[in-house]
Amino acid sequence: MPGDRFELYDPPAFEQGTAVISRKDVRNDGTFPGARMGEVLIRKGDVGYVHSVGTYLNRFYVYGVEFI
């Protein structure tokens, strides 16, 4: 069954330092200080760099990305 496969069975798709491109606009949900709720923080097409790779629920990779 496809839903039973853990992403962690494979290596991460991105490594630290890899350039990535935002596929969607990202808006402030109220947790980013100094910006109004709903304000666009990252625009579709903006370039960022992976600075950390973690895991969630021992099943999925989570990527920390810095957009400049």
C-alpha atoms as a PDB file:
ATOM      1  CA  MET A   1       0.000   0.000   0.000  1.00  0.00           C
ATOM      2  CA  PRO A   2       1.575   3.388  -1.022  1.00  0.00           C
ATOM      3  CA  GLY A   3       0.612   5.130   2.242  1.00  0.00           C
ATOM      4  CA  ASP A   4       2.659   2.605   4.241  1.00  0.00           C
ATOM      5  CA  ARG A   5       5.974   3.628   2.683  1.00  0.00           C
ATOM      6  CA  PHE A   6       8.165   5.818   4.869  1.00  0.00           C
ATOM      7  CA  GLU A   7      10.069   8.624   3.183  1.00  0.00           C
ATOM      8  CA  LEU A   8      13.007   7.854   5.501  1.00  0.00           C
ATOM      9  CA  TYR A   9      13.597   4.548   3.706  1.00  0.00           C
ATOM     10  CA  ASP A  10      15.378   6.634   1.051  1.00  0.00           C
ATOM     11  CA  PRO A  11      18.070   9.313   1.390  1.00  0.00           C
ATOM     12  CA  PRO A  12      16.883  12.946   1.614  1.00  0.00           C
ATOM     13  CA  ALA A  13      15.946  14.565  -1.698  1.00  0.00           C
ATOM     14  CA  PHE A  14      18.014  17.659  -0.799  1.00  0.00           C
ATOM     15  CA  GLU A  15      21.315  18.098   1.062  1.00  0.00           C
ATOM     16  CA  GLN A  16      22.588  21.082   3.028  1.00  0.00           C
ATOM     17  CA  GLY A  17      23.575  23.894   0.688  1.00  0.00           C
ATOM     18  CA  THR A  18      21.282  22.776  -2.139  1.00  0.00           C
ATOM     19  CA  ALA A  19      19.506  25.639  -3.915  1.00  0.00           C
ATOM     20  CA  VAL A  20      15.720  25.229  -4.026  1.00  0.00           C
ATOM     21  CA  ILE A  21      12.928  27.267  -5.613  1.00  0.00           C
ATOM     22  CA  SER A  22       9.600  28.048  -3.945  1.00  0.00           C
ATOM     23  CA  ARG A  23       6.711  26.462  -5.837  1.00  0.00           C
ATOM     24  CA  LYS A  24       4.098  28.641  -4.102  1.00  0.00           C
ATOM     25  CA  ASP A  25       3.732  31.933  -2.273  1.00  0.00           C
ATOM     26  CA  VAL A  26       4.208  31.516   1.483  1.00  0.00           C
ATOM     27  CA  ARG A  27       2.177  33.804   3.748  1.00  0.00           C
ATOM     28  CA  ASN A  28       2.651  34.641   7.409  1.00  0.00           C
ATOM     29  CA  ASP A  29       0.289  32.535   9.510  1.00  0.00           C
ATOM     30  CA  GLY A  30       0.943  34.769  12.501  1.00  0.00           C
ATOM     31  CA  THR A  31       4.062  32.974  13.718  1.00  0.00           C
ATOM     32  CA  PHE A  32       6.640  35.138  11.894  1.00  0.00           C
ATOM     33  CA  PRO A  33       7.405  38.236  13.999  1.00  0.00           C
ATOM     34  CA  GLY A  34       7.548  41.650  12.381  1.00  0.00           C
ATOM     35  CA  ALA A  35       5.182  40.844   9.520  1.00  0.00           C
ATOM     36  CA  ARG A  36       1.411  41.204   9.344  1.00  0.00           C
ATOM     37  CA  MET A  37      -0.692  38.071   9.346  1.00  0.00           C
ATOM     38  CA  GLY A  38      -1.352  37.078   5.728  1.00  0.00           C
ATOM     39  CA  GLU A  39       1.611  39.063   4.386  1.00  0.00           C
ATOM     40  CA  VAL A  40       3.567  37.227   1.670  1.00  0.00           C
ATOM     41  CA  LEU A  41       6.966  36.226   3.064  1.00  0.00           C
ATOM     42  CA  ILE A  42       8.248  34.158   0.141  1.00  0.00           C
ATOM     43  CA  ARG A  43       7.111  34.565  -3.467  1.00  0.00           C
ATOM     44  CA  LYS A  44       6.700  31.736  -5.950  1.00  0.00           C
ATOM     45  CA  GLY A  45      10.026  31.389  -7.761  1.00  0.00           C
ATOM     46  CA  ASP A  46      12.176  32.786  -4.929  1.00  0.00           C
ATOM     47  CA  VAL A  47      15.477  30.927  -4.431  1.00  0.00           C
ATOM     48  CA  GLY A  48      16.500  29.550  -1.054  1.00  0.00           C
ATOM     49  CA  TYR A  49      19.191  27.246   0.304  1.00  0.00           C
ATOM     50  CA  VAL A  50      18.704  24.170   2.473  1.00  0.00           C
ATOM     51  CA  HIS A  51      20.448  24.770   5.796  1.00  0.00           C
ATOM     52  CA  SER A  52      19.144  21.780   7.779  1.00  0.00           C
ATOM     53  CA  VAL A  53      17.525  18.404   7.259  1.00  0.00           C
ATOM     54  CA  GLY A  54      15.423  16.891  10.039  1.00  0.00           C
ATOM     55  CA  THR A  55      12.668  14.351  10.434  1.00  0.00           C
ATOM     56  CA  TYR A  56       9.036  14.379  11.521  1.00  0.00           C
ATOM     57  CA  LEU A  57       7.323  11.403  13.175  1.00  0.00           C
ATOM     58  CA  ASN A  58      10.304   9.232  12.161  1.00  0.00           C
ATOM     59  CA  ARG A  59       8.629   9.052   8.779  1.00  0.00           C
ATOM     60  CA  PHE A  60       9.176  12.253   6.775  1.00  0.00           C
ATOM     61  CA  TYR A  61      12.078  14.581   6.015  1.00  0.00           C
ATOM     62  CA  VAL A  62      11.689  18.221   7.011  1.00  0.00           C
ATOM     63  CA  TYR A  63      13.917  20.830   5.384  1.00  0.00           C
ATOM     64  CA  GLY A  64      14.976  24.133   6.912  1.00  0.00           C
ATOM     65  CA  VAL A  65      15.393  26.584   4.037  1.00  0.00           C
ATOM     66  CA  GLU A  66      16.746  30.136   4.134  1.00  0.00           C
ATOM     67  CA  PHE A  67      15.398  32.402   1.412  1.00  0.00           C
ATOM     68  CA  ILE A  68      17.554  35.412   0.558  1.00  0.00           C
END
